[in-house]
Amino acid sequence: MDKYYYFIAQLPTLFFRKEPEITIDRFMNEAEKWLDPDDFEILCSLDLQSVAINRGEPADLKRYKIFENDLRTDIAAFREAQRKDLEYKPSSFPLSAIKEGNPLDVELRFMEFRWQFLDEMEREHHFDFTNVVIYFLKLLLLQRFFTFEKEKGLQRFQMLYHEVRA
């Protein structure tokens, strides 16, 4: 566990909406050097899409996956209610988060909710494997954030819209 201190201490601080000073590849190369093999295997299995809880995962990773699952369930229930012209009040986020702004604004808002949840978890963990997991999840969020290109997204939306209208 002592080696985790050295690994975490060398990582640059991450800020939401700011390009990280470390790439995921570089992070993973360093993680492989410093982490126990079982912990590294758990880290390698993580992505932003998977919310399945796996045996042997740290309790706080499970906590994040439950948060993510609840968020997705609430978003789906809201959208289903909208399709049926019904009212729905989400429990995991304010209604304004999904109603205000364009789809990109809404997606970025939900990314920020995820970041804030990870920040809260991080306060409880210093120099342990959970801290490494939180850091990696934040890196994945930043990677996703920096893949959005407003103009390409608008072009894609307009193309899909015209296909549906035709």
N, C-alpha and C. Protein backbone atom coordinates (compact mmCIF):
# COMPACT_ATOMS: atom_id res chain seq x y z
N MET A 1 0.81 -1.20 0.00
CA MET A 1 0.00 0.00 0.00
C MET A 1 0.86 1.27 0.00
N ASP A 2 2.05 1.19 0.59
CA ASP A 2 2.92 2.36 0.65
C ASP A 2 3.25 2.90 -0.74
N LYS A 3 3.37 1.99 -1.71
CA LYS A 3 3.73 2.44 -3.05
C LYS A 3 2.63 3.27 -3.69
N TYR A 4 1.39 3.15 -3.19
CA TYR A 4 0.29 3.96 -3.72
C TYR A 4 0.52 5.44 -3.40
N TYR A 5 1.17 5.72 -2.28
CA TYR A 5 1.49 7.10 -1.92
C TYR A 5 2.35 7.74 -3.02
N TYR A 6 3.34 7.01 -3.46
CA TYR A 6 4.25 7.54 -4.47
C TYR A 6 3.54 7.72 -5.81
N PHE A 7 2.72 6.76 -6.17
CA PHE A 7 1.98 6.85 -7.43
C PHE A 7 1.02 8.03 -7.42
N ILE A 8 0.20 8.13 -6.40
CA ILE A 8 -0.81 9.19 -6.34
C ILE A 8 -0.16 10.56 -6.21
N ALA A 9 0.94 10.65 -5.46
CA ALA A 9 1.61 11.93 -5.27
C ALA A 9 2.17 12.49 -6.57
N GLN A 10 2.48 11.64 -7.53
CA GLN A 10 3.07 12.13 -8.78
C GLN A 10 2.02 12.54 -9.81
N LEU A 11 0.75 12.25 -9.54
CA LEU A 11 -0.31 12.55 -10.51
C LEU A 11 -0.67 14.04 -10.49
N PRO A 12 -0.83 14.64 -11.66
CA PRO A 12 -1.24 16.05 -11.70
C PRO A 12 -2.71 16.20 -11.29
N THR A 13 -3.04 17.32 -10.72
CA THR A 13 -4.41 17.60 -10.31
C THR A 13 -5.31 17.73 -11.53
N LEU A 14 -6.51 17.18 -11.41
CA LEU A 14 -7.49 17.25 -12.50
C LEU A 14 -8.57 18.28 -12.18
N PHE A 15 -8.98 19.00 -13.20
CA PHE A 15 -10.05 20.00 -13.07
C PHE A 15 -11.08 19.75 -14.16
N PHE A 16 -12.35 19.81 -13.80
CA PHE A 16 -13.41 19.60 -14.79
C PHE A 16 -13.33 20.68 -15.85
N ARG A 17 -13.47 20.29 -17.10
CA ARG A 17 -13.43 21.16 -18.29
C ARG A 17 -12.04 21.69 -18.61
N LYS A 18 -11.01 21.14 -17.96
CA LYS A 18 -9.64 21.56 -18.27
C LYS A 18 -8.87 20.34 -18.76
N GLU A 19 -8.18 20.50 -19.88
CA GLU A 19 -7.41 19.40 -20.47
C GLU A 19 -6.42 18.86 -19.45
N PRO A 20 -6.43 17.55 -19.21
CA PRO A 20 -5.51 16.97 -18.22
C PRO A 20 -4.07 16.99 -18.71
N GLU A 21 -3.16 17.06 -17.76
CA GLU A 21 -1.74 17.06 -18.09
C GLU A 21 -1.19 15.65 -18.25
N ILE A 22 -2.06 14.66 -18.13
CA ILE A 22 -1.65 13.27 -18.26
C ILE A 22 -2.66 12.56 -19.17
N THR A 23 -2.15 11.68 -20.01
CA THR A 23 -3.03 10.90 -20.88
C THR A 23 -3.46 9.64 -20.15
N ILE A 24 -4.51 9.03 -20.63
CA ILE A 24 -4.95 7.77 -20.04
C ILE A 24 -3.88 6.70 -20.23
N ASP A 25 -3.25 6.67 -21.40
CA ASP A 25 -2.19 5.68 -21.64
C ASP A 25 -1.04 5.84 -20.65
N ARG A 26 -0.62 7.08 -20.44
CA ARG A 26 0.49 7.31 -19.50
C ARG A 26 0.07 6.93 -18.08
N PHE A 27 -1.15 7.30 -17.72
CA PHE A 27 -1.67 6.94 -16.40
C PHE A 27 -1.66 5.42 -16.21
N MET A 28 -2.16 4.70 -17.21
CA MET A 28 -2.23 3.24 -17.10
C MET A 28 -0.84 2.61 -17.06
N ASN A 29 0.10 3.15 -17.83
CA ASN A 29 1.48 2.64 -17.78
C ASN A 29 2.06 2.80 -16.38
N GLU A 30 1.84 3.95 -15.77
CA GLU A 30 2.34 4.18 -14.41
C GLU A 30 1.60 3.31 -13.41
N ALA A 31 0.29 3.19 -13.59
CA ALA A 31 -0.51 2.38 -12.67
C ALA A 31 -0.03 0.93 -12.66
N GLU A 32 0.29 0.43 -13.84
CA GLU A 32 0.76 -0.96 -13.92
C GLU A 32 2.05 -1.15 -13.12
N LYS A 33 2.89 -0.13 -13.10
CA LYS A 33 4.15 -0.22 -12.34
C LYS A 33 3.91 -0.24 -10.83
N TRP A 34 2.92 0.54 -10.36
CA TRP A 34 2.76 0.79 -8.94
C TRP A 34 1.68 -0.04 -8.25
N LEU A 35 0.64 -0.44 -8.99
CA LEU A 35 -0.50 -1.11 -8.35
C LEU A 35 -0.28 -2.61 -8.20
N ASP A 36 -0.95 -3.16 -7.21
CA ASP A 36 -0.98 -4.61 -7.08
C ASP A 36 -1.69 -5.17 -8.32
N PRO A 37 -1.30 -6.35 -8.78
CA PRO A 37 -1.91 -6.91 -10.00
C PRO A 37 -3.44 -7.01 -9.95
N ASP A 38 -3.99 -7.39 -8.79
CA ASP A 38 -5.46 -7.50 -8.68
C ASP A 38 -6.12 -6.13 -8.82
N ASP A 39 -5.53 -5.12 -8.19
CA ASP A 39 -6.07 -3.76 -8.30
C ASP A 39 -5.95 -3.25 -9.73
N PHE A 40 -4.83 -3.53 -10.37
CA PHE A 40 -4.64 -3.08 -11.75
C PHE A 40 -5.67 -3.74 -12.67
N GLU A 41 -5.97 -4.99 -12.41
CA GLU A 41 -6.98 -5.70 -13.21
C GLU A 41 -8.36 -5.04 -13.06
N ILE A 42 -8.70 -4.65 -11.84
CA ILE A 42 -9.97 -3.94 -11.62
C ILE A 42 -9.96 -2.62 -12.37
N LEU A 43 -8.86 -1.90 -12.29
CA LEU A 43 -8.75 -0.62 -12.98
C LEU A 43 -8.91 -0.79 -14.49
N CYS A 44 -8.30 -1.80 -15.04
CA CYS A 44 -8.39 -2.06 -16.49
C CYS A 44 -9.81 -2.38 -16.93
N SER A 45 -10.61 -2.89 -16.03
CA SER A 45 -11.98 -3.27 -16.39
C SER A 45 -12.96 -2.10 -16.36
N LEU A 46 -12.51 -0.95 -15.86
CA LEU A 46 -13.42 0.19 -15.71
C LEU A 46 -13.61 0.96 -17.01
N ASP A 47 -14.84 1.39 -17.22
CA ASP A 47 -15.17 2.34 -18.27
C ASP A 47 -16.42 3.09 -17.83
N LEU A 48 -16.79 4.10 -18.55
CA LEU A 48 -17.94 4.92 -18.16
C LEU A 48 -19.27 4.26 -18.50
N GLN A 49 -19.25 3.24 -19.34
CA GLN A 49 -20.49 2.60 -19.77
C GLN A 49 -20.98 1.52 -18.81
N SER A 50 -20.05 0.84 -18.17
CA SER A 50 -20.40 -0.30 -17.34
C SER A 50 -20.84 0.14 -15.94
N VAL A 51 -22.04 -0.28 -15.57
CA VAL A 51 -22.51 -0.02 -14.21
C VAL A 51 -22.75 -1.32 -13.45
N ALA A 52 -22.37 -2.43 -14.06
CA ALA A 52 -22.52 -3.73 -13.40
C ALA A 52 -21.54 -3.80 -12.23
N ILE A 53 -22.05 -4.26 -11.12
CA ILE A 53 -21.21 -4.39 -9.93
C ILE A 53 -20.59 -5.78 -9.95
N ASN A 54 -19.26 -5.81 -9.84
CA ASN A 54 -18.52 -7.06 -9.92
C ASN A 54 -17.94 -7.43 -8.56
N ARG A 55 -17.84 -8.72 -8.35
CA ARG A 55 -17.26 -9.24 -7.11
C ARG A 55 -15.83 -8.74 -6.96
N GLY A 56 -15.48 -8.37 -5.76
CA GLY A 56 -14.12 -7.97 -5.47
C GLY A 56 -13.83 -6.49 -5.68
N GLU A 57 -14.81 -5.75 -6.18
CA GLU A 57 -14.61 -4.31 -6.37
C GLU A 57 -14.69 -3.60 -5.02
N PRO A 58 -13.95 -2.52 -4.87
CA PRO A 58 -14.04 -1.76 -3.62
C PRO A 58 -15.47 -1.24 -3.40
N ALA A 59 -15.84 -1.10 -2.14
CA ALA A 59 -17.19 -0.65 -1.79
C ALA A 59 -17.51 0.71 -2.42
N ASP A 60 -16.53 1.60 -2.47
CA ASP A 60 -16.80 2.92 -3.04
C ASP A 60 -16.96 2.90 -4.55
N LEU A 61 -16.35 1.96 -5.23
CA LEU A 61 -16.59 1.80 -6.66
C LEU A 61 -18.03 1.32 -6.86
N LYS A 62 -18.47 0.42 -6.01
CA LYS A 62 -19.86 -0.03 -6.06
C LYS A 62 -20.79 1.16 -5.80
N ARG A 63 -20.42 1.99 -4.84
CA ARG A 63 -21.22 3.18 -4.53
C ARG A 63 -21.34 4.09 -5.75
N TYR A 64 -20.24 4.28 -6.48
CA TYR A 64 -20.30 5.11 -7.69
C TYR A 64 -21.19 4.46 -8.74
N LYS A 65 -21.08 3.16 -8.90
CA LYS A 65 -21.88 2.46 -9.91
C LYS A 65 -23.37 2.53 -9.56
N ILE A 66 -23.70 2.47 -8.28
CA ILE A 66 -25.10 2.62 -7.86
C ILE A 66 -25.57 4.03 -8.18
N PHE A 67 -24.74 5.04 -7.88
CA PHE A 67 -25.09 6.42 -8.22
C PHE A 67 -25.33 6.56 -9.73
N GLU A 68 -24.42 6.01 -10.52
CA GLU A 68 -24.53 6.09 -11.99
C GLU A 68 -25.79 5.38 -12.48
N ASN A 69 -26.07 4.22 -11.92
CA ASN A 69 -27.26 3.47 -12.31
C ASN A 69 -28.53 4.25 -11.95
N ASP A 70 -28.57 4.83 -10.76
CA ASP A 70 -29.72 5.62 -10.33
C ASP A 70 -29.92 6.83 -11.26
N LEU A 71 -28.81 7.47 -11.62
CA LEU A 71 -28.88 8.63 -12.51
C LEU A 71 -29.45 8.22 -13.87
N ARG A 72 -28.93 7.14 -14.43
CA ARG A 72 -29.42 6.67 -15.73
C ARG A 72 -30.89 6.24 -15.67
N THR A 73 -31.26 5.58 -14.59
CA THR A 73 -32.66 5.15 -14.43
C THR A 73 -33.58 6.36 -14.37
N ASP A 74 -33.17 7.38 -13.64
CA ASP A 74 -33.97 8.61 -13.55
C ASP A 74 -34.08 9.31 -14.90
N ILE A 75 -32.99 9.37 -15.64
CA ILE A 75 -33.02 10.01 -16.97
C ILE A 75 -33.97 9.24 -17.88
N ALA A 76 -33.87 7.92 -17.87
CA ALA A 76 -34.74 7.09 -18.72
C ALA A 76 -36.20 7.26 -18.33
N ALA A 77 -36.48 7.28 -17.03
CA ALA A 77 -37.86 7.44 -16.57
C ALA A 77 -38.40 8.82 -16.96
N PHE A 78 -37.56 9.84 -16.87
CA PHE A 78 -37.99 11.18 -17.29
C PHE A 78 -38.33 11.20 -18.78
N ARG A 79 -37.45 10.62 -19.58
CA ARG A 79 -37.68 10.61 -21.03
C ARG A 79 -38.92 9.80 -21.40
N GLU A 80 -39.13 8.69 -20.72
CA GLU A 80 -40.33 7.88 -20.96
C GLU A 80 -41.59 8.67 -20.60
N ALA A 81 -41.55 9.37 -19.48
CA ALA A 81 -42.70 10.21 -19.08
C ALA A 81 -42.94 11.31 -20.10
N GLN A 82 -41.87 11.89 -20.63
CA GLN A 82 -42.02 12.94 -21.65
C GLN A 82 -42.70 12.38 -22.90
N ARG A 83 -42.30 11.17 -23.31
CA ARG A 83 -42.90 10.55 -24.50
C ARG A 83 -44.40 10.34 -24.31
N LYS A 84 -44.80 10.04 -23.08
CA LYS A 84 -46.20 9.75 -22.79
C LYS A 84 -46.95 10.99 -22.30
N ASP A 85 -46.26 12.14 -22.36
CA ASP A 85 -46.84 13.41 -21.93
C ASP A 85 -47.29 13.38 -20.46
N LEU A 86 -46.43 12.78 -19.63
CA LEU A 86 -46.69 12.69 -18.20
C LEU A 86 -45.68 13.51 -17.43
N GLU A 87 -46.00 13.81 -16.19
CA GLU A 87 -45.07 14.52 -15.31
C GLU A 87 -44.18 13.49 -14.60
N TYR A 88 -42.92 13.83 -14.41
CA TYR A 88 -42.00 12.97 -13.66
C TYR A 88 -41.02 13.86 -12.93
N LYS A 89 -40.84 13.61 -11.66
CA LYS A 89 -39.87 14.36 -10.86
C LYS A 89 -38.72 13.43 -10.49
N PRO A 90 -37.56 13.64 -11.10
CA PRO A 90 -36.41 12.78 -10.80
C PRO A 90 -35.94 12.94 -9.36
N SER A 91 -35.40 11.88 -8.81
CA SER A 91 -34.90 11.94 -7.43
C SER A 91 -33.40 12.17 -7.36
N SER A 92 -32.68 11.93 -8.46
CA SER A 92 -31.21 12.02 -8.39
C SER A 92 -30.64 13.30 -8.98
N PHE A 93 -31.50 14.16 -9.52
CA PHE A 93 -31.02 15.44 -10.06
C PHE A 93 -32.20 16.41 -10.13
N PRO A 94 -31.91 17.71 -10.15
CA PRO A 94 -32.99 18.69 -10.27
C PRO A 94 -33.60 18.65 -11.68
N LEU A 95 -34.88 18.86 -11.76
CA LEU A 95 -35.59 18.80 -13.03
C LEU A 95 -35.01 19.78 -14.05
N SER A 96 -34.54 20.92 -13.58
CA SER A 96 -33.98 21.93 -14.49
C SER A 96 -32.74 21.41 -15.21
N ALA A 97 -32.04 20.43 -14.62
CA ALA A 97 -30.82 19.91 -15.23
C ALA A 97 -31.08 19.27 -16.58
N ILE A 98 -32.26 18.71 -16.75
CA ILE A 98 -32.55 17.99 -17.99
C ILE A 98 -33.46 18.81 -18.90
N LYS A 99 -34.13 19.80 -18.35
CA LYS A 99 -35.09 20.58 -19.15
C LYS A 99 -34.47 21.81 -19.81
N GLU A 100 -33.41 22.33 -19.22
CA GLU A 100 -32.85 23.60 -19.70
C GLU A 100 -31.62 23.37 -20.57
N GLY A 101 -31.60 24.02 -21.72
CA GLY A 101 -30.44 23.95 -22.61
C GLY A 101 -30.61 22.91 -23.70
N ASN A 102 -29.63 22.92 -24.58
CA ASN A 102 -29.63 21.95 -25.69
C ASN A 102 -29.08 20.61 -25.18
N PRO A 103 -29.17 19.56 -26.00
CA PRO A 103 -28.69 18.23 -25.53
C PRO A 103 -27.23 18.22 -25.06
N LEU A 104 -26.37 19.00 -25.71
CA LEU A 104 -24.98 19.05 -25.27
C LEU A 104 -24.87 19.68 -23.89
N ASP A 105 -25.61 20.77 -23.66
CA ASP A 105 -25.61 21.41 -22.34
C ASP A 105 -26.06 20.43 -21.26
N VAL A 106 -27.10 19.67 -21.57
CA VAL A 106 -27.63 18.70 -20.62
C VAL A 106 -26.59 17.62 -20.34
N GLU A 107 -25.97 17.10 -21.39
CA GLU A 107 -24.94 16.07 -21.21
C GLU A 107 -23.78 16.58 -20.37
N LEU A 108 -23.35 17.80 -20.63
CA LEU A 108 -22.24 18.37 -19.85
C LEU A 108 -22.64 18.58 -18.40
N ARG A 109 -23.88 18.95 -18.17
CA ARG A 109 -24.37 19.12 -16.81
C ARG A 109 -24.33 17.78 -16.05
N PHE A 110 -24.74 16.71 -16.73
CA PHE A 110 -24.70 15.40 -16.08
C PHE A 110 -23.27 14.92 -15.86
N MET A 111 -22.38 15.27 -16.76
CA MET A 111 -20.97 14.95 -16.55
C MET A 111 -20.46 15.67 -15.31
N GLU A 112 -20.91 16.89 -15.12
CA GLU A 112 -20.49 17.66 -13.94
C GLU A 112 -21.07 17.06 -12.66
N PHE A 113 -22.30 16.55 -12.71
CA PHE A 113 -22.88 15.86 -11.55
C PHE A 113 -22.00 14.67 -11.17
N ARG A 114 -21.58 13.92 -12.19
CA ARG A 114 -20.72 12.76 -11.93
C ARG A 114 -19.40 13.21 -11.29
N TRP A 115 -18.83 14.28 -11.83
CA TRP A 115 -17.57 14.81 -11.31
C TRP A 115 -17.73 15.23 -9.84
N GLN A 116 -18.83 15.91 -9.54
CA GLN A 116 -19.08 16.35 -8.17
C GLN A 116 -19.23 15.16 -7.21
N PHE A 117 -19.90 14.12 -7.68
CA PHE A 117 -20.05 12.92 -6.86
C PHE A 117 -18.66 12.32 -6.58
N LEU A 118 -17.83 12.24 -7.60
CA LEU A 118 -16.47 11.72 -7.41
C LEU A 118 -15.66 12.61 -6.47
N ASP A 119 -15.84 13.93 -6.57
CA ASP A 119 -15.16 14.85 -5.65
C ASP A 119 -15.55 14.56 -4.20
N GLU A 120 -16.84 14.33 -3.98
CA GLU A 120 -17.30 14.02 -2.63
C GLU A 120 -16.69 12.71 -2.13
N MET A 121 -16.63 11.72 -2.99
CA MET A 121 -16.01 10.45 -2.61
C MET A 121 -14.52 10.63 -2.30
N GLU A 122 -13.88 11.48 -3.09
CA GLU A 122 -12.43 11.67 -2.97
C GLU A 122 -12.05 12.24 -1.60
N ARG A 123 -12.94 13.01 -1.01
CA ARG A 123 -12.64 13.60 0.30
C ARG A 123 -12.38 12.55 1.37
N GLU A 124 -12.93 11.37 1.16
CA GLU A 124 -12.80 10.29 2.14
C GLU A 124 -11.58 9.40 1.86
N HIS A 125 -10.91 9.62 0.75
CA HIS A 125 -9.83 8.72 0.35
C HIS A 125 -8.58 9.48 -0.06
N HIS A 126 -7.49 9.08 0.56
CA HIS A 126 -6.19 9.68 0.25
C HIS A 126 -5.17 8.54 0.14
N PHE A 127 -4.52 8.45 -0.97
CA PHE A 127 -3.42 7.51 -1.14
C PHE A 127 -3.84 6.04 -1.00
N ASP A 128 -5.05 5.73 -1.44
CA ASP A 128 -5.47 4.34 -1.45
C ASP A 128 -5.99 3.98 -2.84
N PHE A 129 -6.35 2.73 -3.02
CA PHE A 129 -6.80 2.28 -4.34
C PHE A 129 -8.06 3.01 -4.79
N THR A 130 -8.97 3.29 -3.87
CA THR A 130 -10.18 4.02 -4.25
C THR A 130 -9.84 5.39 -4.82
N ASN A 131 -8.83 6.02 -4.27
CA ASN A 131 -8.39 7.30 -4.80
C ASN A 131 -7.89 7.15 -6.24
N VAL A 132 -7.20 6.07 -6.53
CA VAL A 132 -6.73 5.79 -7.89
C VAL A 132 -7.92 5.57 -8.82
N VAL A 133 -8.92 4.84 -8.36
CA VAL A 133 -10.13 4.59 -9.15
C VAL A 133 -10.84 5.90 -9.46
N ILE A 134 -11.00 6.73 -8.46
CA ILE A 134 -11.66 8.03 -8.64
C ILE A 134 -10.90 8.87 -9.67
N TYR A 135 -9.60 8.89 -9.55
CA TYR A 135 -8.76 9.64 -10.49
C TYR A 135 -8.97 9.13 -11.91
N PHE A 136 -8.99 7.81 -12.07
CA PHE A 136 -9.16 7.22 -13.39
C PHE A 136 -10.55 7.54 -13.97
N LEU A 137 -11.58 7.46 -13.14
CA LEU A 137 -12.92 7.81 -13.62
C LEU A 137 -12.99 9.27 -14.05
N LYS A 138 -12.32 10.13 -13.32
CA LYS A 138 -12.27 11.55 -13.72
C LYS A 138 -11.53 11.71 -15.04
N LEU A 139 -10.44 10.97 -15.22
CA LEU A 139 -9.73 11.01 -16.50
C LEU A 139 -10.65 10.57 -17.64
N LEU A 140 -11.43 9.52 -17.40
CA LEU A 140 -12.36 9.05 -18.43
C LEU A 140 -13.43 10.10 -18.73
N LEU A 141 -13.91 10.78 -17.70
CA LEU A 141 -14.88 11.86 -17.92
C LEU A 141 -14.27 12.99 -18.75
N LEU A 142 -13.04 13.35 -18.45
CA LEU A 142 -12.37 14.40 -19.22
C LEU A 142 -12.12 13.97 -20.66
N GLN A 143 -11.77 12.72 -20.84
CA GLN A 143 -11.58 12.21 -22.21
C GLN A 143 -12.89 12.36 -22.99
N ARG A 144 -13.99 11.98 -22.37
CA ARG A 144 -15.30 12.11 -23.03
C ARG A 144 -15.63 13.58 -23.28
N PHE A 145 -15.38 14.41 -22.30
CA PHE A 145 -15.66 15.85 -22.43
C PHE A 145 -14.93 16.43 -23.64
N PHE A 146 -13.67 16.08 -23.82
CA PHE A 146 -12.88 16.66 -24.89
C PHE A 146 -13.10 15.99 -26.25
N THR A 147 -13.98 15.00 -26.32
CA THR A 147 -14.33 14.43 -27.62
C THR A 147 -15.54 15.14 -28.24
N PHE A 148 -16.24 15.94 -27.45
CA PHE A 148 -17.39 16.66 -28.00
C PHE A 148 -16.93 17.79 -28.90
N GLU A 149 -17.46 17.82 -30.08
CA GLU A 149 -17.20 18.92 -31.00
C GLU A 149 -18.55 19.46 -31.44
N LYS A 150 -18.84 20.68 -31.01
CA LYS A 150 -20.16 21.27 -31.20
C LYS A 150 -20.60 21.27 -32.67
N GLU A 151 -19.73 21.66 -33.57
CA GLU A 151 -20.11 21.78 -34.97
C GLU A 151 -20.40 20.41 -35.59
N LYS A 152 -19.57 19.41 -35.31
CA LYS A 152 -19.81 18.07 -35.84
C LYS A 152 -21.10 17.50 -35.27
N GLY A 153 -21.35 17.75 -34.00
CA GLY A 153 -22.57 17.28 -33.37
C GLY A 153 -23.81 17.92 -33.98
N LEU A 154 -23.73 19.21 -34.26
CA LEU A 154 -24.85 19.90 -34.89
C LEU A 154 -25.11 19.36 -36.29
N GLN A 155 -24.05 19.12 -37.05
CA GLN A 155 -24.21 18.55 -38.39
C GLN A 155 -24.86 17.18 -38.32
N ARG A 156 -24.41 16.37 -37.38
CA ARG A 156 -24.97 15.02 -37.23
C ARG A 156 -26.44 15.10 -36.84
N PHE A 157 -26.76 16.00 -35.91
CA PHE A 157 -28.16 16.17 -35.49
C PHE A 157 -29.03 16.59 -36.66
N GLN A 158 -28.57 17.56 -37.45
CA GLN A 158 -29.36 18.03 -38.59
C GLN A 158 -29.55 16.93 -39.62
N MET A 159 -28.52 16.12 -39.85
CA MET A 159 -28.64 15.01 -40.80
C MET A 159 -29.69 14.00 -40.31
N LEU A 160 -29.62 13.64 -39.03
CA LEU A 160 -30.59 12.70 -38.48
C LEU A 160 -32.00 13.28 -38.49
N TYR A 161 -32.10 14.55 -38.19
CA TYR A 161 -33.40 15.22 -38.19
C TYR A 161 -34.03 15.19 -39.58
N HIS A 162 -33.24 15.47 -40.59
CA HIS A 162 -33.76 15.46 -41.97
C HIS A 162 -34.14 14.05 -42.40
N GLU A 163 -33.40 13.04 -41.95
CA GLU A 163 -33.75 11.65 -42.26
C GLU A 163 -35.09 11.27 -41.64
N VAL A 164 -35.32 11.70 -40.42
CA VAL A 164 -36.56 11.39 -39.73
C VAL A 164 -37.74 12.11 -40.39
N ARG A 165 -37.51 13.33 -40.80
CA ARG A 165 -38.58 14.16 -41.43
C ARG A 165 -38.90 13.68 -42.84
N ALA A 166 -37.96 13.02 -43.49
CA ALA A 166 -38.18 12.60 -44.90
C ALA A 166 -39.09 11.41 -45.01
